[in-house]
Amino acid sequence: DDVYLVAKWLEERPDFVVLETKDYISYPKENG
């Protein structure tokens, strides 16, 4: 839950723009 909390915090910072997100926690890569 903390991972998503921190991600949201960074996504909402006005000095940053999110260009891409990849959620390999909800959707792991084939190797785990």
PDB file of all heavy atoms in Angstrom:
ATOM      1  N   ASP A   1       0.831  -1.210   0.000  1.00  0.00           N
ATOM      2  CA  ASP A   1       0.000   0.000   0.000  1.00  0.00           C
ATOM      3  C   ASP A   1       0.864   1.258   0.000  1.00  0.00           C
ATOM      4  O   ASP A   1       0.500   2.271  -0.594  1.00  0.00           O
ATOM      5  CB  ASP A   1      -0.927   0.035   1.226  1.00  0.00           C
ATOM      6  CG  ASP A   1      -2.152  -0.852   1.044  1.00  0.00           C
ATOM      7  OD1 ASP A   1      -2.301  -1.446  -0.046  1.00  0.00           O
ATOM      8  OD2 ASP A   1      -2.954  -0.949   1.992  1.00  0.00           O
ATOM      9  N   ASP A   2       1.995   1.179   0.684  1.00  0.00           N
ATOM     10  CA  ASP A   2       2.904   2.327   0.744  1.00  0.00           C
ATOM     11  C   ASP A   2       3.497   2.646  -0.627  1.00  0.00           C
ATOM     12  O   ASP A   2       3.714   3.812  -0.967  1.00  0.00           O
ATOM     13  CB  ASP A   2       4.045   2.067   1.746  1.00  0.00           C
ATOM     14  CG  ASP A   2       3.559   2.002   3.180  1.00  0.00           C
ATOM     15  OD1 ASP A   2       2.457   2.511   3.460  1.00  0.00           O
ATOM     16  OD2 ASP A   2       4.287   1.453   4.031  1.00  0.00           O
ATOM     17  N   VAL A   3       3.757   1.615  -1.412  1.00  0.00           N
ATOM     18  CA  VAL A   3       4.279   1.817  -2.774  1.00  0.00           C
ATOM     19  C   VAL A   3       3.322   2.707  -3.556  1.00  0.00           C
ATOM     20  O   VAL A   3       3.719   3.688  -4.178  1.00  0.00           O
ATOM     21  CB  VAL A   3       4.486   0.458  -3.487  1.00  0.00           C
ATOM     22  CG1 VAL A   3       4.688   0.652  -4.992  1.00  0.00           C
ATOM     23  CG2 VAL A   3       5.663  -0.293  -2.878  1.00  0.00           C
ATOM     24  N   TYR A   4       2.030   2.370  -3.491  1.00  0.00           N
ATOM     25  CA  TYR A   4       1.025   3.136  -4.245  1.00  0.00           C
ATOM     26  C   TYR A   4       0.829   4.534  -3.664  1.00  0.00           C
ATOM     27  O   TYR A   4       0.582   5.489  -4.405  1.00  0.00           O
ATOM     28  CB  TYR A   4      -0.290   2.364  -4.307  1.00  0.00           C
ATOM     29  CG  TYR A   4      -0.176   1.104  -5.131  1.00  0.00           C
ATOM     30  CD1 TYR A   4      -0.089  -0.144  -4.521  1.00  0.00           C
ATOM     31  CD2 TYR A   4      -0.095   1.162  -6.514  1.00  0.00           C
ATOM     32  CE1 TYR A   4       0.049  -1.296  -5.281  1.00  0.00           C
ATOM     33  CE2 TYR A   4       0.034   0.011  -7.283  1.00  0.00           C
ATOM     34  CZ  TYR A   4       0.099  -1.211  -6.658  1.00  0.00           C
ATOM     35  OH  TYR A   4       0.246  -2.361  -7.420  1.00  0.00           O
ATOM     36  N   LEU A   5       0.962   4.660  -2.345  1.00  0.00           N
ATOM     37  CA  LEU A   5       0.852   5.972  -1.694  1.00  0.00           C
ATOM     38  C   LEU A   5       1.965   6.904  -2.170  1.00  0.00           C
ATOM     39  O   LEU A   5       1.718   8.063  -2.524  1.00  0.00           O
ATOM     40  CB  LEU A   5       0.917   5.800  -0.169  1.00  0.00           C
ATOM     41  CG  LEU A   5       0.854   7.087   0.661  1.00  0.00           C
ATOM     42  CD1 LEU A   5      -0.551   7.686   0.606  1.00  0.00           C
ATOM     43  CD2 LEU A   5       1.241   6.810   2.107  1.00  0.00           C
ATOM     44  N   VAL A   6       3.186   6.403  -2.185  1.00  0.00           N
ATOM     45  CA  VAL A   6       4.335   7.221  -2.608  1.00  0.00           C
ATOM     46  C   VAL A   6       4.236   7.535  -4.105  1.00  0.00           C
ATOM     47  O   VAL A   6       4.519   8.659  -4.533  1.00  0.00           O
ATOM     48  CB  VAL A   6       5.674   6.537  -2.267  1.00  0.00           C
ATOM     49  CG1 VAL A   6       6.852   7.365  -2.761  1.00  0.00           C
ATOM     50  CG2 VAL A   6       5.788   6.314  -0.759  1.00  0.00           C
ATOM     51  N   ALA A   7       3.815   6.556  -4.895  1.00  0.00           N
ATOM     52  CA  ALA A   7       3.646   6.789  -6.340  1.00  0.00           C
ATOM     53  C   ALA A   7       2.644   7.913  -6.572  1.00  0.00           C
ATOM     54  O   ALA A   7       2.889   8.821  -7.379  1.00  0.00           O
ATOM     55  CB  ALA A   7       3.193   5.510  -7.032  1.00  0.00           C
ATOM     56  N   LYS A   8       1.529   7.872  -5.847  1.00  0.00           N
ATOM     57  CA  LYS A   8       0.491   8.914  -5.995  1.00  0.00           C
ATOM     58  C   LYS A   8       1.052  10.281  -5.612  1.00  0.00           C
ATOM     59  O   LYS A   8       0.790  11.292  -6.274  1.00  0.00           O
ATOM     60  CB  LYS A   8      -0.719   8.553  -5.137  1.00  0.00           C
ATOM     61  CG  LYS A   8      -1.932   9.445  -5.332  1.00  0.00           C
ATOM     62  CD  LYS A   8      -3.130   8.854  -4.598  1.00  0.00           C
ATOM     63  CE  LYS A   8      -4.400   9.628  -4.880  1.00  0.00           C
ATOM     64  NZ  LYS A   8      -4.428  10.967  -4.323  1.00  0.00           N
ATOM     65  N   TRP A   9       1.826  10.314  -4.536  1.00  0.00           N
ATOM     66  CA  TRP A   9       2.442  11.571  -4.089  1.00  0.00           C
ATOM     67  C   TRP A   9       3.310  12.163  -5.204  1.00  0.00           C
ATOM     68  O   TRP A   9       3.212  13.343  -5.526  1.00  0.00           O
ATOM     69  CB  TRP A   9       3.281  11.314  -2.834  1.00  0.00           C
ATOM     70  CG  TRP A   9       4.171  12.448  -2.429  1.00  0.00           C
ATOM     71  CD1 TRP A   9       5.476  12.641  -2.785  1.00  0.00           C
ATOM     72  CD2 TRP A   9       3.831  13.572  -1.610  1.00  0.00           C
ATOM     73  NE1 TRP A   9       5.973  13.792  -2.228  1.00  0.00           N
ATOM     74  CE2 TRP A   9       4.980  14.393  -1.504  1.00  0.00           C
ATOM     75  CE3 TRP A   9       2.669  13.957  -0.940  1.00  0.00           C
ATOM     76  CZ2 TRP A   9       4.998  15.570  -0.766  1.00  0.00           C
ATOM     77  CZ3 TRP A   9       2.682  15.129  -0.200  1.00  0.00           C
ATOM     78  CH2 TRP A   9       3.837  15.924  -0.128  1.00  0.00           C
ATOM     79  N   LEU A  10       4.144  11.331  -5.799  1.00  0.00           N
ATOM     80  CA  LEU A  10       5.027  11.815  -6.863  1.00  0.00           C
ATOM     81  C   LEU A  10       4.233  12.240  -8.106  1.00  0.00           C
ATOM     82  O   LEU A  10       4.551  13.246  -8.737  1.00  0.00           O
ATOM     83  CB  LEU A  10       6.044  10.732  -7.239  1.00  0.00           C
ATOM     84  CG  LEU A  10       7.119  10.446  -6.185  1.00  0.00           C
ATOM     85  CD1 LEU A  10       7.918   9.208  -6.548  1.00  0.00           C
ATOM     86  CD2 LEU A  10       8.040  11.644  -5.994  1.00  0.00           C
ATOM     87  N   GLU A  11       3.204  11.473  -8.424  1.00  0.00           N
ATOM     88  CA  GLU A  11       2.382  11.782  -9.604  1.00  0.00           C
ATOM     89  C   GLU A  11       1.675  13.136  -9.467  1.00  0.00           C
ATOM     90  O   GLU A  11       1.391  13.795 -10.469  1.00  0.00           O
ATOM     91  CB  GLU A  11       1.344  10.670  -9.822  1.00  0.00           C
ATOM     92  CG  GLU A  11       1.958   9.375 -10.338  1.00  0.00           C
ATOM     93  CD  GLU A  11       1.031   8.174 -10.201  1.00  0.00           C
ATOM     94  OE1 GLU A  11      -0.095   8.315  -9.668  1.00  0.00           O
ATOM     95  OE2 GLU A  11       1.437   7.071 -10.628  1.00  0.00           O
ATOM     96  N   GLU A  12       1.407  13.538  -8.236  1.00  0.00           N
ATOM     97  CA  GLU A  12       0.660  14.785  -8.003  1.00  0.00           C
ATOM     98  C   GLU A  12       1.546  16.019  -7.835  1.00  0.00           C
ATOM     99  O   GLU A  12       1.041  17.126  -7.693  1.00  0.00           O
ATOM    100  CB  GLU A  12      -0.228  14.620  -6.758  1.00  0.00           C
ATOM    101  CG  GLU A  12      -1.365  13.626  -6.981  1.00  0.00           C
ATOM    102  CD  GLU A  12      -2.157  13.345  -5.718  1.00  0.00           C
ATOM    103  OE1 GLU A  12      -1.695  13.739  -4.596  1.00  0.00           O
ATOM    104  OE2 GLU A  12      -3.227  12.718  -5.818  1.00  0.00           O
ATOM    105  N   ARG A  13       2.865  15.850  -7.848  1.00  0.00           N
ATOM    106  CA  ARG A  13       3.749  16.998  -7.669  1.00  0.00           C
ATOM    107  C   ARG A  13       3.713  17.874  -8.921  1.00  0.00           C
ATOM    108  O   ARG A  13       3.887  17.383 -10.036  1.00  0.00           O
ATOM    109  CB  ARG A  13       5.197  16.559  -7.416  1.00  0.00           C
ATOM    110  CG  ARG A  13       5.474  15.756  -6.149  1.00  0.00           C
ATOM    111  CD  ARG A  13       4.951  16.372  -4.885  1.00  0.00           C
ATOM    112  NE  ARG A  13       3.637  15.830  -4.580  1.00  0.00           N
ATOM    113  CZ  ARG A  13       2.729  16.430  -3.832  1.00  0.00           C
ATOM    114  NH1 ARG A  13       2.956  17.592  -3.301  1.00  0.00           N
ATOM    115  NH2 ARG A  13       1.561  15.870  -3.613  1.00  0.00           N
ATOM    116  N   PRO A  14       3.510  19.183  -8.737  1.00  0.00           N
ATOM    117  CA  PRO A  14       3.377  20.070  -9.897  1.00  0.00           C
ATOM    118  C   PRO A  14       4.643  20.208 -10.749  1.00  0.00           C
ATOM    119  O   PRO A  14       4.535  20.535 -11.933  1.00  0.00           O
ATOM    120  CB  PRO A  14       2.987  21.418  -9.273  1.00  0.00           C
ATOM    121  CG  PRO A  14       3.375  21.326  -7.830  1.00  0.00           C
ATOM    122  CD  PRO A  14       3.294  19.880  -7.460  1.00  0.00           C
ATOM    123  N   ASP A  15       5.820  19.951 -10.173  1.00  0.00           N
ATOM    124  CA  ASP A  15       7.064  20.070 -10.954  1.00  0.00           C
ATOM    125  C   ASP A  15       7.320  18.855 -11.845  1.00  0.00           C
ATOM    126  O   ASP A  15       8.236  18.862 -12.654  1.00  0.00           O
ATOM    127  CB  ASP A  15       8.268  20.259 -10.022  1.00  0.00           C
ATOM    128  CG  ASP A  15       8.295  21.653  -9.408  1.00  0.00           C
ATOM    129  OD1 ASP A  15       7.431  22.478  -9.755  1.00  0.00           O
ATOM    130  OD2 ASP A  15       9.177  21.897  -8.561  1.00  0.00           O
ATOM    131  N   PHE A  16       6.502  17.794 -11.663  1.00  0.00           N
ATOM    132  CA  PHE A  16       6.691  16.558 -12.425  1.00  0.00           C
ATOM    133  C   PHE A  16       5.506  16.304 -13.345  1.00  0.00           C
ATOM    134  O   PHE A  16       4.373  16.670 -13.024  1.00  0.00           O
ATOM    135  CB  PHE A  16       6.841  15.340 -11.498  1.00  0.00           C
ATOM    136  CG  PHE A  16       7.934  15.451 -10.472  1.00  0.00           C
ATOM    137  CD1 PHE A  16       7.852  14.744  -9.273  1.00  0.00           C
ATOM    138  CD2 PHE A  16       9.055  16.243 -10.678  1.00  0.00           C
ATOM    139  CE1 PHE A  16       8.848  14.825  -8.314  1.00  0.00           C
ATOM    140  CE2 PHE A  16      10.063  16.338  -9.724  1.00  0.00           C
ATOM    141  CZ  PHE A  16       9.959  15.627  -8.541  1.00  0.00           C
ATOM    142  N   VAL A  17       5.768  15.652 -14.450  1.00  0.00           N
ATOM    143  CA  VAL A  17       4.700  15.130 -15.307  1.00  0.00           C
ATOM    144  C   VAL A  17       4.978  13.639 -15.488  1.00  0.00           C
ATOM    145  O   VAL A  17       6.118  13.239 -15.696  1.00  0.00           O
ATOM    146  CB  VAL A  17       4.610  15.877 -16.662  1.00  0.00           C
ATOM    147  CG1 VAL A  17       5.903  15.763 -17.451  1.00  0.00           C
ATOM    148  CG2 VAL A  17       3.438  15.362 -17.487  1.00  0.00           C
ATOM    149  N   VAL A  18       3.935  12.820 -15.342  1.00  0.00           N
ATOM    150  CA  VAL A  18       4.100  11.374 -15.502  1.00  0.00           C
ATOM    151  C   VAL A  18       4.054  11.040 -16.987  1.00  0.00           C
ATOM    152  O   VAL A  18       3.055  11.279 -17.658  1.00  0.00           O
ATOM    153  CB  VAL A  18       3.008  10.600 -14.739  1.00  0.00           C
ATOM    154  CG1 VAL A  18       3.177   9.094 -14.954  1.00  0.00           C
ATOM    155  CG2 VAL A  18       3.056  10.931 -13.263  1.00  0.00           C
ATOM    156  N   LEU A  19       5.148  10.506 -17.492  1.00  0.00           N
ATOM    157  CA  LEU A  19       5.241  10.134 -18.904  1.00  0.00           C
ATOM    158  C   LEU A  19       4.838   8.683 -19.132  1.00  0.00           C
ATOM    159  O   LEU A  19       4.351   8.330 -20.201  1.00  0.00           O
ATOM    160  CB  LEU A  19       6.666  10.364 -19.416  1.00  0.00           C
ATOM    161  CG  LEU A  19       7.196  11.805 -19.274  1.00  0.00           C
ATOM    162  CD1 LEU A  19       8.664  11.877 -19.667  1.00  0.00           C
ATOM    163  CD2 LEU A  19       6.365  12.765 -20.114  1.00  0.00           C
ATOM    164  N   GLU A  20       5.041   7.859 -18.104  1.00  0.00           N
ATOM    165  CA  GLU A  20       4.717   6.436 -18.248  1.00  0.00           C
ATOM    166  C   GLU A  20       4.655   5.783 -16.876  1.00  0.00           C
ATOM    167  O   GLU A  20       5.406   6.153 -15.968  1.00  0.00           O
ATOM    168  CB  GLU A  20       5.803   5.759 -19.085  1.00  0.00           C
ATOM    169  CG  GLU A  20       5.532   4.322 -19.452  1.00  0.00           C
ATOM    170  CD  GLU A  20       6.641   3.712 -20.290  1.00  0.00           C
ATOM    171  OE1 GLU A  20       7.580   4.423 -20.688  1.00  0.00           O
ATOM    172  OE2 GLU A  20       6.564   2.497 -20.535  1.00  0.00           O
ATOM    173  N   THR A  21       3.755   4.827 -16.727  1.00  0.00           N
ATOM    174  CA  THR A  21       3.721   4.003 -15.511  1.00  0.00           C
ATOM    175  C   THR A  21       3.666   2.534 -15.932  1.00  0.00           C
ATOM    176  O   THR A  21       3.055   2.195 -16.948  1.00  0.00           O
ATOM    177  CB  THR A  21       2.491   4.301 -14.615  1.00  0.00           C
ATOM    178  OG1 THR A  21       1.306   4.003 -15.340  1.00  0.00           O
ATOM    179  CG2 THR A  21       2.460   5.738 -14.156  1.00  0.00           C
ATOM    180  N   LYS A  22       4.323   1.697 -15.141  1.00  0.00           N
ATOM    181  CA  LYS A  22       4.248   0.246 -15.340  1.00  0.00           C
ATOM    182  C   LYS A  22       4.069  -0.390 -13.971  1.00  0.00           C
ATOM    183  O   LYS A  22       4.928  -0.257 -13.103  1.00  0.00           O
ATOM    184  CB  LYS A  22       5.528  -0.278 -16.004  1.00  0.00           C
ATOM    185  CG  LYS A  22       5.662   0.134 -17.454  1.00  0.00           C
ATOM    186  CD  LYS A  22       6.925  -0.432 -18.068  1.00  0.00           C
ATOM    187  CE  LYS A  22       7.067   0.032 -19.509  1.00  0.00           C
ATOM    188  NZ  LYS A  22       8.361  -0.345 -20.090  1.00  0.00           N
ATOM    189  N   ASP A  23       2.933  -1.046 -13.790  1.00  0.00           N
ATOM    190  CA  ASP A  23       2.627  -1.664 -12.504  1.00  0.00           C
ATOM    191  C   ASP A  23       2.919  -3.159 -12.570  1.00  0.00           C
ATOM    192  O   ASP A  23       2.053  -3.971 -12.884  1.00  0.00           O
ATOM    193  CB  ASP A  23       1.160  -1.419 -12.150  1.00  0.00           C
ATOM    194  CG  ASP A  23       0.813  -1.912 -10.755  1.00  0.00           C
ATOM    195  OD1 ASP A  23       1.656  -2.577 -10.124  1.00  0.00           O
ATOM    196  OD2 ASP A  23      -0.317  -1.650 -10.296  1.00  0.00           O
ATOM    197  N   TYR A  24       4.178  -3.495 -12.260  1.00  0.00           N
ATOM    198  CA  TYR A  24       4.570  -4.897 -12.246  1.00  0.00           C
ATOM    199  C   TYR A  24       4.254  -5.567 -10.907  1.00  0.00           C
ATOM    200  O   TYR A  24       4.576  -6.741 -10.728  1.00  0.00           O
ATOM    201  CB  TYR A  24       6.073  -5.038 -12.534  1.00  0.00           C
ATOM    202  CG  TYR A  24       6.489  -4.580 -13.902  1.00  0.00           C
ATOM    203  CD1 TYR A  24       7.404  -3.540 -14.058  1.00  0.00           C
ATOM    204  CD2 TYR A  24       5.974  -5.173 -15.048  1.00  0.00           C
ATOM    205  CE1 TYR A  24       7.802  -3.118 -15.317  1.00  0.00           C
ATOM    206  CE2 TYR A  24       6.360  -4.755 -16.309  1.00  0.00           C
ATOM    207  CZ  TYR A  24       7.278  -3.725 -16.441  1.00  0.00           C
ATOM    208  OH  TYR A  24       7.666  -3.300 -17.691  1.00  0.00           O
ATOM    209  N   ILE A  25       3.623  -4.824  -9.994  1.00  0.00           N
ATOM    210  CA  ILE A  25       3.162  -5.455  -8.749  1.00  0.00           C
ATOM    211  C   ILE A  25       1.822  -6.137  -9.018  1.00  0.00           C
ATOM    212  O   ILE A  25       1.635  -7.311  -8.719  1.00  0.00           O
ATOM    213  CB  ILE A  25       3.074  -4.437  -7.597  1.00  0.00           C
ATOM    214  CG1 ILE A  25       4.480  -3.949  -7.228  1.00  0.00           C
ATOM    215  CG2 ILE A  25       2.393  -5.055  -6.371  1.00  0.00           C
ATOM    216  CD1 ILE A  25       4.536  -2.860  -6.199  1.00  0.00           C
ATOM    217  N   SER A  26       0.902  -5.388  -9.610  1.00  0.00           N
ATOM    218  CA  SER A  26      -0.395  -5.980  -9.973  1.00  0.00           C
ATOM    219  C   SER A  26      -0.267  -6.937 -11.152  1.00  0.00           C
ATOM    220  O   SER A  26      -1.028  -7.900 -11.258  1.00  0.00           O
ATOM    221  CB  SER A  26      -1.390  -4.872 -10.334  1.00  0.00           C
ATOM    222  OG  SER A  26      -1.622  -4.034  -9.223  1.00  0.00           O
ATOM    223  N   TYR A  27       0.671  -6.644 -12.044  1.00  0.00           N
ATOM    224  CA  TYR A  27       0.874  -7.457 -13.249  1.00  0.00           C
ATOM    225  C   TYR A  27       2.350  -7.832 -13.370  1.00  0.00           C
ATOM    226  O   TYR A  27       3.099  -7.209 -14.113  1.00  0.00           O
ATOM    227  CB  TYR A  27       0.409  -6.685 -14.489  1.00  0.00           C
ATOM    228  CG  TYR A  27      -1.005  -6.171 -14.357  1.00  0.00           C
ATOM    229  CD1 TYR A  27      -1.254  -4.858 -13.944  1.00  0.00           C
ATOM    230  CD2 TYR A  27      -2.090  -7.012 -14.599  1.00  0.00           C
ATOM    231  CE1 TYR A  27      -2.551  -4.392 -13.797  1.00  0.00           C
ATOM    232  CE2 TYR A  27      -3.396  -6.543 -14.458  1.00  0.00           C
ATOM    233  CZ  TYR A  27      -3.611  -5.238 -14.055  1.00  0.00           C
ATOM    234  OH  TYR A  27      -4.900  -4.787 -13.900  1.00  0.00           O
ATOM    235  N   PRO A  28       2.791  -8.858 -12.606  1.00  0.00           N
ATOM    236  CA  PRO A  28       4.217  -9.212 -12.587  1.00  0.00           C
ATOM    237  C   PRO A  28       4.717  -9.665 -13.951  1.00  0.00           C
ATOM    238  O   PRO A  28       3.954 -10.176 -14.775  1.00  0.00           O
ATOM    239  CB  PRO A  28       4.285 -10.374 -11.587  1.00  0.00           C
ATOM    240  CG  PRO A  28       2.996 -10.382 -10.867  1.00  0.00           C
ATOM    241  CD  PRO A  28       1.992  -9.726 -11.740  1.00  0.00           C
ATOM    242  N   LYS A  29       6.024  -9.484 -14.160  1.00  0.00           N
ATOM    243  CA  LYS A  29       6.655 -10.021 -15.365  1.00  0.00           C
ATOM    244  C   LYS A  29       6.659 -11.550 -15.274  1.00  0.00           C
ATOM    245  O   LYS A  29       6.491 -12.122 -14.195  1.00  0.00           O
ATOM    246  CB  LYS A  29       8.099  -9.512 -15.479  1.00  0.00           C
ATOM    247  CG  LYS A  29       8.196  -8.054 -15.894  1.00  0.00           C
ATOM    248  CD  LYS A  29       9.644  -7.698 -16.178  1.00  0.00           C
ATOM    249  CE  LYS A  29       9.772  -6.273 -16.689  1.00  0.00           C
ATOM    250  NZ  LYS A  29      11.153  -5.942 -17.048  1.00  0.00           N
ATOM    251  N   GLU A  30       6.888 -12.181 -16.409  1.00  0.00           N
ATOM    252  CA  GLU A  30       6.838 -13.645 -16.477  1.00  0.00           C
ATOM    253  C   GLU A  30       7.829 -14.307 -15.521  1.00  0.00           C
ATOM    254  O   GLU A  30       7.571 -15.373 -14.970  1.00  0.00           O
ATOM    255  CB  GLU A  30       7.122 -14.085 -17.913  1.00  0.00           C
ATOM    256  CG  GLU A  30       6.598 -15.471 -18.227  1.00  0.00           C
ATOM    257  CD  GLU A  30       6.711 -15.808 -19.700  1.00  0.00           C
ATOM    258  OE1 GLU A  30       6.177 -15.054 -20.529  1.00  0.00           O
ATOM    259  OE2 GLU A  30       7.353 -16.825 -19.994  1.00  0.00           O
ATOM    260  N   ASN A  31       8.976 -13.657 -15.291  1.00  0.00           N
ATOM    261  CA  ASN A  31       9.995 -14.238 -14.410  1.00  0.00           C
ATOM    262  C   ASN A  31       9.700 -14.019 -12.926  1.00  0.00           C
ATOM    263  O   ASN A  31      10.441 -14.454 -12.063  1.00  0.00           O
ATOM    264  CB  ASN A  31      11.379 -13.681 -14.748  1.00  0.00           C
ATOM    265  CG  ASN A  31      11.522 -12.199 -14.407  1.00  0.00           C
ATOM    266  OD1 ASN A  31      10.539 -11.518 -14.106  1.00  0.00           O
ATOM    267  ND2 ASN A  31      12.734 -11.701 -14.473  1.00  0.00           N
ATOM    268  N   GLY A  32       8.594 -13.310 -12.621  1.00  0.00           N
ATOM    269  CA  GLY A  32       8.224 -13.063 -11.230  1.00  0.00           C
ATOM    270  C   GLY A  32       8.553 -11.664 -10.734  1.00  0.00           C
ATOM    271  O   GLY A  32       8.191 -11.286  -9.629  1.00  0.00           O
TER     272      GLY A  32
END
